Structures are given as C-alpha cells and as structure tokens.
Amino acid sequence: MEKSQLNTPAMISEDELIGLSKEKFKTWETNDLENLEKIFDDQGLLICSNGKAETKPEVVEIVKSKRKELKNLSLQKAFARVYGNTGVVHGEGEITISIGGKIRSSGLNFLDIWMEKDGNWKLVSSHLNQVI
C-alpha cells in the first residue's frame, strides 16, 4: 500500500453523516446501549441546554437509567459538511423527552461533530439546545 493511501480517511458523504446523527438519536430512543457505546468516542462529550458537559460513561448511564428518556425526535432540517476526517452535522427539529416522568416537548437545535478514527466514524462532540 502506498504511503498516501495509509493516511487517507474513510470517505463519507454528507447524507451518511446525517444518517449517523439520526442513528445517535435512535440509540437513545430505543435504549440501544451497545450501539451507543460504538458510536460515541471514548473521549466524546455531550453538552445539553443546561450547559453541563456529560462524558461517554455519564451519557450511557443516563440512557440506561432512563432518567432522560427520548420519546420522539422529528428531524425537520439537517445539513452536513465533511472536512477530511471530520464531519459536522447541524440539525433542527422537535423533541419529546421524559425527565423524571414529566413529558416535555420543544424545538431542538443540535450540532454533532464526527471524526473518522481507524476506519470508523465516532461522535466526538454533540451539543443539544432546546428551543423553548
């Protein structure tokens, strides 16, 4: 294999990146902890509207405990950009979550940053902002 091929990131389309972000929400909604572990980078962070940064183990525990349950996400707009081995997804939609048994619905803006590592695309940062 030529040296230039060794350093070439796995190609991904903008539509595939959007698909990864949709999959991220689906793993939360279906409590798919195994897939959540695969998607989220070990050093990744999730930052919610309250500004608190959650680590991967904290995110997995939140989903596992169902303290914050995703009931539904209706994605209305999404666009992505690919920059070599990094991809960015911006999205807007409506989210319904349950926190402590109380159901809330609101608008949602999110920004996901994906990075290709060893041939796999990992979520390295996700910022969620509820629009009230």
N, C-alpha and C. Protein backbone atom coordinates (compact mmCIF):
# COMPACT_ATOMS: atom_id res chain seq x y z
N MET A 1 0.85 -1.18 0.00
CA MET A 1 0.00 0.00 0.00
C MET A 1 0.89 1.24 0.00
N GLU A 2 0.56 2.21 -0.83
CA GLU A 2 1.33 3.45 -0.90
C GLU A 2 1.11 4.27 0.37
N LYS A 3 2.11 5.06 0.72
CA LYS A 3 2.02 5.89 1.92
C LYS A 3 0.80 6.81 1.90
N SER A 4 0.48 7.39 0.75
CA SER A 4 -0.66 8.32 0.66
C SER A 4 -1.97 7.61 0.98
N GLN A 5 -2.08 6.32 0.68
CA GLN A 5 -3.31 5.59 0.98
C GLN A 5 -3.45 5.31 2.47
N LEU A 6 -2.32 5.17 3.18
CA LEU A 6 -2.37 4.88 4.61
C LEU A 6 -2.98 6.03 5.41
N ASN A 7 -2.78 7.25 4.93
CA ASN A 7 -3.24 8.41 5.68
C ASN A 7 -4.55 8.99 5.15
N THR A 8 -5.19 8.28 4.23
CA THR A 8 -6.44 8.75 3.64
C THR A 8 -7.60 8.35 4.54
N PRO A 9 -8.41 9.31 5.02
CA PRO A 9 -9.56 8.95 5.85
C PRO A 9 -10.62 8.21 5.04
N ALA A 10 -11.41 7.40 5.73
CA ALA A 10 -12.52 6.71 5.08
C ALA A 10 -13.48 7.76 4.55
N MET A 11 -13.86 7.65 3.31
CA MET A 11 -14.76 8.63 2.70
C MET A 11 -16.18 8.44 3.24
N ILE A 12 -16.84 9.54 3.45
CA ILE A 12 -18.23 9.52 3.90
C ILE A 12 -18.95 10.68 3.22
N SER A 13 -20.20 10.46 2.88
CA SER A 13 -20.98 11.53 2.25
C SER A 13 -21.69 12.35 3.32
N GLU A 14 -22.16 13.51 2.91
CA GLU A 14 -22.92 14.36 3.83
C GLU A 14 -24.20 13.65 4.27
N ASP A 15 -24.86 12.95 3.36
CA ASP A 15 -26.07 12.20 3.72
C ASP A 15 -25.77 11.09 4.74
N GLU A 16 -24.63 10.43 4.58
CA GLU A 16 -24.25 9.38 5.54
C GLU A 16 -23.97 9.97 6.91
N LEU A 17 -23.38 11.16 6.97
CA LEU A 17 -23.15 11.83 8.26
C LEU A 17 -24.48 12.15 8.94
N ILE A 18 -25.42 12.66 8.18
CA ILE A 18 -26.75 12.95 8.73
C ILE A 18 -27.37 11.65 9.25
N GLY A 19 -27.17 10.56 8.52
CA GLY A 19 -27.65 9.26 8.96
C GLY A 19 -27.05 8.84 10.29
N LEU A 20 -25.76 9.14 10.49
CA LEU A 20 -25.13 8.81 11.77
C LEU A 20 -25.76 9.60 12.92
N SER A 21 -26.07 10.87 12.67
CA SER A 21 -26.72 11.67 13.72
C SER A 21 -28.12 11.15 14.02
N LYS A 22 -28.85 10.73 12.97
CA LYS A 22 -30.16 10.13 13.20
C LYS A 22 -30.02 8.84 14.02
N GLU A 23 -28.99 8.07 13.70
CA GLU A 23 -28.75 6.82 14.43
C GLU A 23 -28.45 7.10 15.90
N LYS A 24 -27.71 8.18 16.17
CA LYS A 24 -27.41 8.57 17.55
C LYS A 24 -28.70 8.77 18.34
N PHE A 25 -29.65 9.51 17.75
CA PHE A 25 -30.92 9.74 18.44
C PHE A 25 -31.71 8.44 18.58
N LYS A 26 -31.66 7.59 17.57
CA LYS A 26 -32.39 6.31 17.61
C LYS A 26 -31.85 5.41 18.72
N THR A 27 -30.52 5.41 18.93
CA THR A 27 -29.96 4.59 20.01
C THR A 27 -30.44 5.06 21.36
N TRP A 28 -30.63 6.37 21.50
CA TRP A 28 -31.15 6.93 22.75
C TRP A 28 -32.61 6.54 22.92
N GLU A 29 -33.38 6.71 21.86
CA GLU A 29 -34.82 6.42 21.91
C GLU A 29 -35.10 4.95 22.20
N THR A 30 -34.29 4.05 21.64
CA THR A 30 -34.52 2.61 21.81
C THR A 30 -33.69 1.99 22.93
N ASN A 31 -32.94 2.83 23.64
CA ASN A 31 -32.11 2.35 24.76
C ASN A 31 -31.08 1.33 24.28
N ASP A 32 -30.54 1.52 23.09
CA ASP A 32 -29.58 0.61 22.49
C ASP A 32 -28.18 0.96 23.00
N LEU A 33 -27.85 0.48 24.20
CA LEU A 33 -26.59 0.83 24.84
C LEU A 33 -25.38 0.30 24.08
N GLU A 34 -25.51 -0.87 23.47
CA GLU A 34 -24.40 -1.44 22.73
C GLU A 34 -24.01 -0.54 21.55
N ASN A 35 -25.00 -0.08 20.81
CA ASN A 35 -24.71 0.80 19.68
C ASN A 35 -24.24 2.17 20.15
N LEU A 36 -24.79 2.65 21.25
CA LEU A 36 -24.37 3.93 21.80
C LEU A 36 -22.88 3.88 22.15
N GLU A 37 -22.44 2.77 22.74
CA GLU A 37 -21.02 2.58 23.07
C GLU A 37 -20.16 2.62 21.81
N LYS A 38 -20.66 2.06 20.71
CA LYS A 38 -19.89 2.02 19.46
C LYS A 38 -19.81 3.38 18.80
N ILE A 39 -20.90 4.13 18.84
CA ILE A 39 -20.99 5.42 18.15
C ILE A 39 -20.17 6.50 18.85
N PHE A 40 -20.27 6.56 20.17
CA PHE A 40 -19.70 7.65 20.95
C PHE A 40 -18.21 7.40 21.19
N ASP A 41 -17.38 8.37 20.87
CA ASP A 41 -15.94 8.27 21.12
C ASP A 41 -15.68 8.22 22.62
N ASP A 42 -14.67 7.48 23.02
CA ASP A 42 -14.35 7.33 24.44
C ASP A 42 -14.09 8.67 25.14
N GLN A 43 -13.61 9.65 24.40
CA GLN A 43 -13.34 10.98 24.97
C GLN A 43 -14.39 12.00 24.56
N GLY A 44 -15.48 11.53 23.97
CA GLY A 44 -16.52 12.43 23.49
C GLY A 44 -17.30 13.09 24.61
N LEU A 45 -17.95 14.19 24.26
CA LEU A 45 -18.76 14.94 25.22
C LEU A 45 -20.13 15.24 24.62
N LEU A 46 -21.13 15.26 25.49
CA LEU A 46 -22.49 15.69 25.14
C LEU A 46 -22.77 16.92 25.99
N ILE A 47 -23.15 18.01 25.34
CA ILE A 47 -23.45 19.24 26.06
C ILE A 47 -24.91 19.59 25.81
N CYS A 48 -25.68 19.63 26.90
CA CYS A 48 -27.12 19.90 26.81
C CYS A 48 -27.41 21.38 27.03
N SER A 49 -28.68 21.73 26.92
CA SER A 49 -29.11 23.12 27.06
C SER A 49 -28.71 23.74 28.38
N ASN A 50 -28.57 22.91 29.43
CA ASN A 50 -28.19 23.45 30.74
C ASN A 50 -26.70 23.77 30.81
N GLY A 51 -25.95 23.45 29.76
CA GLY A 51 -24.53 23.78 29.71
C GLY A 51 -23.62 22.73 30.32
N LYS A 52 -24.19 21.72 30.94
CA LYS A 52 -23.37 20.69 31.58
C LYS A 52 -22.79 19.74 30.53
N ALA A 53 -21.49 19.49 30.63
CA ALA A 53 -20.83 18.55 29.74
C ALA A 53 -20.90 17.15 30.34
N GLU A 54 -21.43 16.21 29.58
CA GLU A 54 -21.55 14.81 30.01
C GLU A 54 -20.52 13.99 29.25
N THR A 55 -19.79 13.13 29.97
CA THR A 55 -18.82 12.23 29.34
C THR A 55 -19.55 11.00 28.80
N LYS A 56 -18.85 10.19 28.03
CA LYS A 56 -19.45 8.98 27.48
C LYS A 56 -20.03 8.09 28.58
N PRO A 57 -19.29 7.79 29.66
CA PRO A 57 -19.90 6.95 30.71
C PRO A 57 -21.15 7.59 31.33
N GLU A 58 -21.16 8.91 31.46
CA GLU A 58 -22.33 9.59 32.02
C GLU A 58 -23.52 9.51 31.05
N VAL A 59 -23.26 9.67 29.76
CA VAL A 59 -24.33 9.57 28.76
C VAL A 59 -24.91 8.16 28.77
N VAL A 60 -24.05 7.15 28.79
CA VAL A 60 -24.52 5.76 28.82
C VAL A 60 -25.37 5.52 30.06
N GLU A 61 -24.96 6.04 31.21
CA GLU A 61 -25.72 5.85 32.45
C GLU A 61 -27.07 6.57 32.38
N ILE A 62 -27.12 7.75 31.81
CA ILE A 62 -28.38 8.49 31.67
C ILE A 62 -29.36 7.69 30.81
N VAL A 63 -28.87 7.17 29.69
CA VAL A 63 -29.74 6.38 28.80
C VAL A 63 -30.16 5.09 29.49
N LYS A 64 -29.22 4.42 30.14
CA LYS A 64 -29.50 3.15 30.81
C LYS A 64 -30.52 3.32 31.94
N SER A 65 -30.36 4.37 32.73
CA SER A 65 -31.25 4.60 33.88
C SER A 65 -32.60 5.17 33.48
N LYS A 66 -32.69 5.65 32.24
CA LYS A 66 -33.91 6.27 31.72
C LYS A 66 -34.29 7.54 32.49
N ARG A 67 -33.30 8.20 33.09
CA ARG A 67 -33.56 9.48 33.77
C ARG A 67 -34.04 10.52 32.77
N LYS A 68 -33.46 10.49 31.59
CA LYS A 68 -33.91 11.35 30.49
C LYS A 68 -34.20 10.41 29.33
N GLU A 69 -35.48 10.20 29.08
CA GLU A 69 -35.89 9.29 28.01
C GLU A 69 -36.30 10.08 26.77
N LEU A 70 -35.71 9.72 25.65
CA LEU A 70 -36.13 10.31 24.39
C LEU A 70 -37.38 9.57 23.93
N LYS A 71 -38.47 10.29 23.82
CA LYS A 71 -39.73 9.69 23.38
C LYS A 71 -39.92 9.82 21.87
N ASN A 72 -39.48 10.95 21.32
CA ASN A 72 -39.63 11.15 19.89
C ASN A 72 -38.74 12.30 19.44
N LEU A 73 -38.19 12.16 18.25
CA LEU A 73 -37.47 13.24 17.60
C LEU A 73 -37.96 13.33 16.17
N SER A 74 -38.47 14.49 15.82
CA SER A 74 -38.90 14.74 14.45
C SER A 74 -37.89 15.71 13.84
N LEU A 75 -36.98 15.17 13.04
CA LEU A 75 -35.96 15.98 12.40
C LEU A 75 -36.58 16.73 11.23
N GLN A 76 -36.48 18.05 11.25
CA GLN A 76 -37.10 18.86 10.21
C GLN A 76 -36.09 19.39 9.20
N LYS A 77 -34.89 19.70 9.66
CA LYS A 77 -33.83 20.18 8.79
C LYS A 77 -32.51 19.60 9.27
N ALA A 78 -31.66 19.27 8.33
CA ALA A 78 -30.30 18.85 8.69
C ALA A 78 -29.40 19.09 7.49
N PHE A 79 -28.21 19.53 7.78
CA PHE A 79 -27.20 19.61 6.73
C PHE A 79 -25.85 19.28 7.34
N ALA A 80 -24.96 18.81 6.49
CA ALA A 80 -23.65 18.35 6.96
C ALA A 80 -22.55 18.86 6.06
N ARG A 81 -21.36 18.88 6.61
CA ARG A 81 -20.16 19.22 5.86
C ARG A 81 -19.07 18.24 6.26
N VAL A 82 -18.26 17.83 5.29
CA VAL A 82 -17.15 16.92 5.54
C VAL A 82 -15.85 17.67 5.29
N TYR A 83 -14.94 17.58 6.25
CA TYR A 83 -13.63 18.22 6.17
C TYR A 83 -12.57 17.15 6.43
N GLY A 84 -12.23 16.38 5.41
CA GLY A 84 -11.24 15.31 5.57
C GLY A 84 -11.78 14.22 6.48
N ASN A 85 -11.14 14.05 7.65
CA ASN A 85 -11.57 13.00 8.58
C ASN A 85 -12.52 13.54 9.66
N THR A 86 -13.10 14.73 9.42
CA THR A 86 -14.02 15.34 10.37
C THR A 86 -15.30 15.73 9.64
N GLY A 87 -16.42 15.54 10.30
CA GLY A 87 -17.70 15.92 9.73
C GLY A 87 -18.54 16.65 10.76
N VAL A 88 -19.33 17.60 10.29
CA VAL A 88 -20.19 18.40 11.16
C VAL A 88 -21.62 18.29 10.66
N VAL A 89 -22.55 18.02 11.58
CA VAL A 89 -23.97 17.96 11.25
C VAL A 89 -24.71 18.99 12.09
N HIS A 90 -25.47 19.85 11.42
CA HIS A 90 -26.35 20.81 12.08
C HIS A 90 -27.78 20.33 11.83
N GLY A 91 -28.60 20.35 12.86
CA GLY A 91 -29.97 19.92 12.66
C GLY A 91 -30.96 20.69 13.51
N GLU A 92 -32.21 20.66 13.06
CA GLU A 92 -33.33 21.29 13.77
C GLU A 92 -34.50 20.33 13.75
N GLY A 93 -35.28 20.36 14.81
CA GLY A 93 -36.46 19.52 14.85
C GLY A 93 -37.27 19.76 16.09
N GLU A 94 -38.13 18.81 16.35
CA GLU A 94 -38.98 18.82 17.55
C GLU A 94 -38.62 17.59 18.36
N ILE A 95 -38.44 17.77 19.67
CA ILE A 95 -38.06 16.67 20.54
C ILE A 95 -39.07 16.54 21.67
N THR A 96 -39.36 15.30 22.02
CA THR A 96 -40.19 15.00 23.18
C THR A 96 -39.37 14.09 24.08
N ILE A 97 -39.16 14.53 25.32
CA ILE A 97 -38.41 13.75 26.28
C ILE A 97 -39.18 13.62 27.58
N SER A 98 -38.82 12.62 28.36
CA SER A 98 -39.38 12.43 29.68
C SER A 98 -38.25 12.58 30.68
N ILE A 99 -38.41 13.50 31.60
CA ILE A 99 -37.43 13.70 32.67
C ILE A 99 -38.16 13.52 33.98
N GLY A 100 -37.78 12.47 34.71
CA GLY A 100 -38.45 12.19 35.98
C GLY A 100 -39.93 11.94 35.82
N GLY A 101 -40.32 11.37 34.69
CA GLY A 101 -41.72 11.06 34.43
C GLY A 101 -42.53 12.20 33.85
N LYS A 102 -41.94 13.38 33.75
CA LYS A 102 -42.64 14.53 33.18
C LYS A 102 -42.25 14.65 31.71
N ILE A 103 -43.26 14.66 30.85
CA ILE A 103 -43.04 14.74 29.40
C ILE A 103 -42.95 16.20 28.99
N ARG A 104 -41.92 16.48 28.19
CA ARG A 104 -41.72 17.83 27.66
C ARG A 104 -41.48 17.75 26.16
N SER A 105 -42.05 18.69 25.46
CA SER A 105 -41.80 18.82 24.02
C SER A 105 -41.30 20.22 23.74
N SER A 106 -40.36 20.31 22.83
CA SER A 106 -39.83 21.62 22.46
C SER A 106 -39.10 21.51 21.14
N GLY A 107 -38.72 22.65 20.63
CA GLY A 107 -37.86 22.67 19.47
C GLY A 107 -36.46 22.25 19.89
N LEU A 108 -35.68 21.80 18.93
CA LEU A 108 -34.32 21.36 19.22
C LEU A 108 -33.39 21.78 18.09
N ASN A 109 -32.27 22.36 18.46
CA ASN A 109 -31.16 22.59 17.54
C ASN A 109 -30.02 21.73 18.05
N PHE A 110 -29.27 21.11 17.13
CA PHE A 110 -28.13 20.32 17.58
C PHE A 110 -26.96 20.46 16.61
N LEU A 111 -25.80 20.21 17.13
CA LEU A 111 -24.56 20.21 16.37
C LEU A 111 -23.79 18.97 16.78
N ASP A 112 -23.52 18.09 15.83
CA ASP A 112 -22.73 16.89 16.07
C ASP A 112 -21.43 16.99 15.32
N ILE A 113 -20.34 16.66 15.98
CA ILE A 113 -19.03 16.63 15.34
C ILE A 113 -18.56 15.18 15.34
N TRP A 114 -18.31 14.68 14.14
CA TRP A 114 -17.90 13.30 13.92
C TRP A 114 -16.45 13.28 13.44
N MET A 115 -15.72 12.26 13.84
CA MET A 115 -14.33 12.12 13.40
C MET A 115 -14.05 10.68 13.04
N GLU A 116 -13.37 10.49 11.92
CA GLU A 116 -13.00 9.15 11.49
C GLU A 116 -11.75 8.72 12.26
N LYS A 117 -11.86 7.57 12.92
CA LYS A 117 -10.75 7.01 13.68
C LYS A 117 -10.64 5.54 13.35
N ASP A 118 -9.51 5.15 12.81
CA ASP A 118 -9.26 3.74 12.47
C ASP A 118 -10.37 3.14 11.61
N GLY A 119 -10.87 3.92 10.66
CA GLY A 119 -11.87 3.42 9.73
C GLY A 119 -13.30 3.51 10.21
N ASN A 120 -13.53 4.01 11.43
CA ASN A 120 -14.89 4.15 11.98
C ASN A 120 -15.16 5.62 12.30
N TRP A 121 -16.39 6.03 12.07
CA TRP A 121 -16.78 7.40 12.39
C TRP A 121 -17.34 7.42 13.80
N LYS A 122 -16.75 8.29 14.65
CA LYS A 122 -17.12 8.38 16.06
C LYS A 122 -17.64 9.78 16.36
N LEU A 123 -18.63 9.82 17.25
CA LEU A 123 -19.17 11.10 17.70
C LEU A 123 -18.24 11.65 18.78
N VAL A 124 -17.58 12.76 18.49
CA VAL A 124 -16.63 13.32 19.44
C VAL A 124 -17.24 14.47 20.25
N SER A 125 -18.29 15.08 19.73
CA SER A 125 -18.95 16.16 20.46
C SER A 125 -20.37 16.33 19.93
N SER A 126 -21.30 16.47 20.85
CA SER A 126 -22.70 16.69 20.50
C SER A 126 -23.25 17.79 21.40
N HIS A 127 -23.79 18.82 20.78
CA HIS A 127 -24.37 19.94 21.52
C HIS A 127 -25.87 19.98 21.21
N LEU A 128 -26.68 19.90 22.26
CA LEU A 128 -28.14 19.93 22.11
C LEU A 128 -28.66 21.20 22.75
N ASN A 129 -29.53 21.90 22.05
CA ASN A 129 -30.10 23.13 22.59
C ASN A 129 -31.60 23.11 22.36
N GLN A 130 -32.36 23.00 23.45
CA GLN A 130 -33.82 23.04 23.33
C GLN A 130 -34.25 24.47 23.09
N VAL A 131 -35.16 24.62 22.14
CA VAL A 131 -35.71 25.94 21.82
C VAL A 131 -37.08 26.01 22.45
N ILE A 132 -37.22 26.90 23.40
CA ILE A 132 -38.47 26.99 24.15
C ILE A 132 -39.34 28.08 23.60
